[in-house]
């Protein structure tokens, strides 16, 4: 299968492209700036308009008169969310996602036939701060929700409407635990410095998924196993979300710190100003699990936080 990936140069995109290529698939990365360290075929696009790159969505007849090979689209394109929630930044976060998705949709409608599969990225942050609600694919969205969360993710999901595809999965991803991710590295640094206590109240929920499980869910969305997923929204989150205080305790264990000073909300907000990030990323939370994955029989390799952290960071001290 040829798999056209928008956003393939980001952390998740690189991991997914490498995983798919290792399984023998033809990976094509749509990128604004080709990179020499990306070992996949790269095609330039601007993330806004249909151009020559759209030819990658056309199925090519196989040799010997066999049926045309399948084409799939993976859309992970979008600016990183680690930014101050100013009106300009929120507009950029939204536009970078919506514009790229609309360009892909327009290209798909102009192709000779619908693409076989479409994996559309989204985020569990679409529910903003959900408090004590337990969320899955059936849970309603907040009205209006935080501008930098629901206000970005809702139009992002809506912009895929009209895509010419035989199967479409909208993957609402929780925090992905993987080596070298900015969010995890920042929390690990705090823990190593003795500041790994609860953040804010410590009661906000933290939904997560190990990278290996996220890759398996993404493959399933593309029809490549290990399970078959229905069209529609799928939540990519492990079955046991934890509270922030539990997360920080787990991080302290893997870095060998018995105690950690708490970070009160006022201090976090002050630090967020210096780091030019959004304090609500740490102060809000959601308890998300997937009814769809459970019904499909998906089996998580890492379903508890401690074992996931031990694999990503190292064994508990």
Foldseek 3Di string as FASTA:
>chain_A
DEEEEEPLVDPLNVVLQVVVVVVPYQYEYEDCDDDPPRPHHYDYDDLAAADPVLCSQAFDQDPPRHRTDAYEYEYPWFDDQFFAPDPVVLCRRQCRLLRNLLRQQVSQVPYPAHGAAYEAEAAPCLQPFPDPDEDAQVDDHDVVHDCSRVVRRVSSVVSNPNRRYPAYEYEHEFAEQAPPDPVVVVLLVQLLVQALAAEAVQFAKGWYAYSVQVSQVVCLSVVNDPWHFHHYYWYHTAQDIDTRRVVSCLSNQQSVHNHHHYHHLVNLVVVCVVVRGYSSVRVGHHNYDYPRCVVRVPDGPDRDDNVSCCVRRNHTD
